[in-house]
Protein backbone atom coordinates (compact mmCIF):
# COMPACT_ATOMS: atom_id res chain seq x y z
CA THR A 1 -6.52 -11.66 23.30
CA ARG A 2 -5.63 -13.16 26.65
CA ALA A 3 -2.71 -15.33 27.79
CA GLY A 4 -3.14 -18.95 26.72
CA ALA A 5 -5.71 -18.12 24.04
CA THR A 6 -5.38 -19.82 20.68
CA LEU A 7 -7.20 -17.10 18.73
CA PHE A 8 -6.77 -13.39 18.27
CA SER A 9 -10.10 -11.66 18.91
CA PHE A 10 -10.90 -8.02 18.24
CA ARG A 11 -14.23 -6.23 17.86
CA GLY A 12 -16.15 -9.45 17.43
CA ARG A 13 -13.71 -10.90 14.90
CA ASP A 14 -11.45 -13.92 15.34
CA CYS A 15 -8.20 -14.88 13.66
CA ASP A 16 -6.31 -18.14 14.13
CA PRO A 17 -2.60 -17.21 14.14
CA PHE A 18 -1.65 -20.88 13.75
CA ALA A 19 -3.64 -21.42 10.54
CA GLU A 20 -1.96 -21.14 7.14
CA PRO A 21 -2.12 -17.41 6.30
CA GLU A 22 -3.83 -16.10 3.21
CA ARG A 23 -1.40 -14.42 0.80
CA LEU A 24 -3.10 -11.63 -1.13
CA THR A 25 -1.61 -9.01 -3.43
CA VAL A 26 -2.77 -5.42 -3.04
CA ALA A 27 -4.04 -5.51 -6.64
CA ASP A 28 -6.10 -8.64 -5.90
CA ALA A 29 -7.46 -7.02 -2.72
CA PHE A 30 -8.54 -3.94 -4.70
CA SER A 31 -10.26 -6.15 -7.25
CA ARG A 32 -11.92 -8.45 -4.69
CA HIS A 33 -13.07 -5.90 -2.13
CA ALA A 34 -13.57 -2.72 -4.18
CA GLY A 35 -13.99 -3.87 -7.79
CA ILE A 36 -11.04 -1.68 -8.85
CA ASP A 37 -8.22 -2.60 -11.26
CA LEU A 38 -5.43 -0.90 -9.31
CA LEU A 39 -2.58 -1.83 -11.65
CA ALA A 40 -4.41 -0.13 -14.53
CA THR A 41 -3.53 3.10 -12.69
CA VAL A 42 0.20 2.32 -12.33
CA ALA A 43 2.66 2.62 -15.24
CA ALA A 44 5.66 0.35 -15.82
CA ASP A 45 7.97 2.96 -14.28
CA GLY A 46 5.81 3.09 -11.13
CA SER A 47 4.23 6.44 -11.91
CA THR A 48 0.56 6.68 -11.06
CA ASP A 49 -2.51 7.90 -12.93
CA ARG A 50 -4.55 9.89 -10.42
CA ASP A 51 -7.40 10.54 -12.84
CA ALA A 52 -7.82 6.84 -13.64
CA LEU A 53 -7.97 5.90 -9.94
CA TYR A 54 -10.35 8.81 -9.25
CA ALA A 55 -12.66 7.54 -12.01
CA ALA A 56 -12.49 3.99 -10.64
CA LEU A 57 -13.48 5.15 -7.14
CA THR A 58 -16.31 7.25 -8.56
CA GLN A 59 -17.50 4.25 -10.59
CA ALA A 60 -17.37 2.12 -7.42
CA GLY A 61 -19.54 4.69 -5.61
CA MET A 62 -16.82 5.78 -3.22
CA ARG A 63 -16.42 9.27 -1.81
CA THR A 64 -13.83 11.43 -3.58
CA ALA A 65 -12.70 15.05 -3.46
CA PRO A 66 -11.45 17.09 -6.43
CA ASP A 67 -8.06 17.66 -4.81
CA ASP A 68 -7.45 14.02 -3.82
CA SER A 69 -4.05 12.74 -4.90
CA TRP A 70 -3.49 9.18 -6.11
CA ALA A 71 -2.09 8.37 -2.65
CA ASP A 72 -5.20 9.84 -0.97
CA LEU A 73 -7.45 7.70 -3.15
CA PHE A 74 -5.33 4.58 -2.57
CA SER A 75 -5.47 5.11 1.19
CA ARG A 76 -9.23 5.65 1.16
CA VAL A 77 -9.82 2.30 -0.55
CA MET A 78 -7.44 0.57 1.84
CA VAL A 79 -9.07 2.02 4.96
CA GLU A 80 -12.72 1.83 3.89
CA LYS A 81 -12.91 -1.30 1.73
CA ILE A 82 -9.92 -3.56 2.30
CA GLU A 83 -8.25 -3.43 5.71
CA PRO A 84 -11.41 -4.16 7.75
CA LEU A 85 -11.83 -7.44 5.82
CA LEU A 86 -8.27 -8.73 6.17
CA GLY A 87 -7.23 -11.42 8.62
CA GLN A 88 -10.69 -12.87 9.19
CA GLY A 89 -10.44 -16.45 10.44
CA ARG A 90 -6.76 -16.61 9.57
CA ALA A 91 -3.98 -14.08 9.09
CA THR A 92 -3.62 -12.25 5.79
CA ILE A 93 -0.26 -11.33 4.28
CA LEU A 94 -0.98 -8.37 2.02
CA CYS A 95 1.88 -8.03 -0.46
CA GLU A 96 3.09 -6.40 -3.67
CA TYR A 97 2.26 -2.79 -2.86
CA PRO A 98 2.50 -0.28 -5.72
CA VAL A 99 6.01 1.22 -5.72
CA ALA A 100 4.41 4.63 -5.08
CA GLU A 101 3.35 3.24 -1.66
CA ALA A 102 6.70 1.68 -0.84
CA ALA A 103 9.25 4.50 -0.76
CA LEU A 104 12.19 2.46 0.53
CA ALA A 105 11.31 -0.95 -0.95
CA ARG A 106 12.88 -2.47 -4.04
CA PRO A 107 10.70 -3.16 -7.08
CA SER A 108 9.50 -6.72 -7.54
CA PRO A 109 11.56 -8.68 -10.08
CA ASN A 110 8.25 -10.02 -11.46
CA ASP A 111 6.49 -6.67 -11.99
CA PRO A 112 8.23 -3.27 -11.71
CA ARG A 113 4.91 -1.58 -10.85
CA VAL A 114 4.89 -3.25 -7.44
CA ALA A 115 7.41 -3.50 -4.62
CA ASP A 116 8.68 -6.25 -2.35
CA ARG A 117 6.63 -4.99 0.59
CA PHE A 118 4.13 -6.78 2.81
CA GLU A 119 1.87 -6.20 5.81
CA LEU A 120 0.42 -8.82 8.14
CA TYR A 121 -3.21 -8.47 9.26
CA CYS A 122 -5.38 -10.21 11.86
CA CYS A 123 -8.97 -9.15 12.62
CA GLY A 124 -8.67 -6.17 10.26
CA VAL A 125 -5.64 -4.77 12.11
CA GLU A 126 -2.11 -4.43 10.73
CA LEU A 127 0.28 -6.26 13.07
CA ALA A 128 3.56 -6.11 11.15
CA ASN A 129 5.16 -4.95 7.93
CA GLY A 130 8.38 -5.43 6.07
CA PHE A 131 10.07 -4.96 2.74
CA GLY A 132 13.10 -5.79 0.65
CA GLU A 133 15.34 -2.74 0.93
CA LEU A 134 15.92 -0.56 -2.13
CA THR A 135 19.67 -0.11 -2.63
CA ASP A 136 19.63 1.66 -6.01
CA ALA A 137 20.54 5.31 -5.33
CA LYS A 138 19.31 6.50 -8.74
CA GLU A 139 15.87 4.91 -8.23
CA GLN A 140 15.70 6.16 -4.64
CA ARG A 141 16.48 9.71 -5.81
CA ARG A 142 13.75 9.47 -8.47
CA ARG A 143 11.21 8.42 -5.83
CA PHE A 144 12.32 11.13 -3.41
CA VAL A 145 11.92 13.78 -6.13
CA ILE A 146 8.37 12.59 -6.86
CA GLU A 147 7.58 12.66 -3.13
CA MET A 148 9.05 16.14 -2.68
CA ASP A 149 7.14 17.45 -5.72
CA GLU A 150 3.92 16.19 -4.13
CA LYS A 151 4.80 17.86 -0.81
CA GLN A 152 5.44 21.12 -2.64
CA ARG A 153 2.07 20.82 -4.39
CA ILE A 154 0.28 20.22 -1.08
CA TYR A 155 2.21 22.45 1.33
CA GLY A 156 3.73 25.02 -1.01
CA GLU A 157 7.24 24.34 0.25
CA LEU A 158 10.11 22.43 -1.28
CA TYR A 159 12.06 20.27 1.15
CA PRO A 160 15.66 19.21 0.51
CA LEU A 161 16.54 15.67 -0.45
CA ASP A 162 18.52 13.63 2.07
CA GLU A 163 21.80 13.67 0.14
CA ASP A 164 23.70 11.88 2.93
CA PHE A 165 21.25 8.97 2.75
CA LEU A 166 21.46 8.84 -1.05
CA ALA A 167 25.28 8.91 -0.92
CA ALA A 168 25.24 6.03 1.55
CA LEU A 169 23.25 3.90 -0.90
């Protein structure tokens, strides 16, 4: 994009930043661009079903590995199937991320499986992100424990929780 231009252009794609943006939930993006029911893999408490998402990716013909975590699979769909298609012609606001992908964001009041988090895309590139801040120390601790358990599984080490941060909440 050059000074005075009215469009963002990148890799042969254009996006009009002045046009009304598309608002798209992550679940709708998974359905539209990958044929996957993402929320069928997320429980009411925000916990994720790795095996269900693995099966959905396999069914969709996507590459998987036996040791992929739910987060690995989620990221693969985002990078390979969804992000390149966002913000074509007009900006896309991608919102309502699964709480497992929004560590510091509060759950949506409409659906506890998703968080008040968004990202803004033009020409397939993320330009900005934001979220409603989680201020519930008990919920934040629960999420940190899940995250630390996953790090221990992957790296074989257990890292301490940030008790000062949790106390400040």
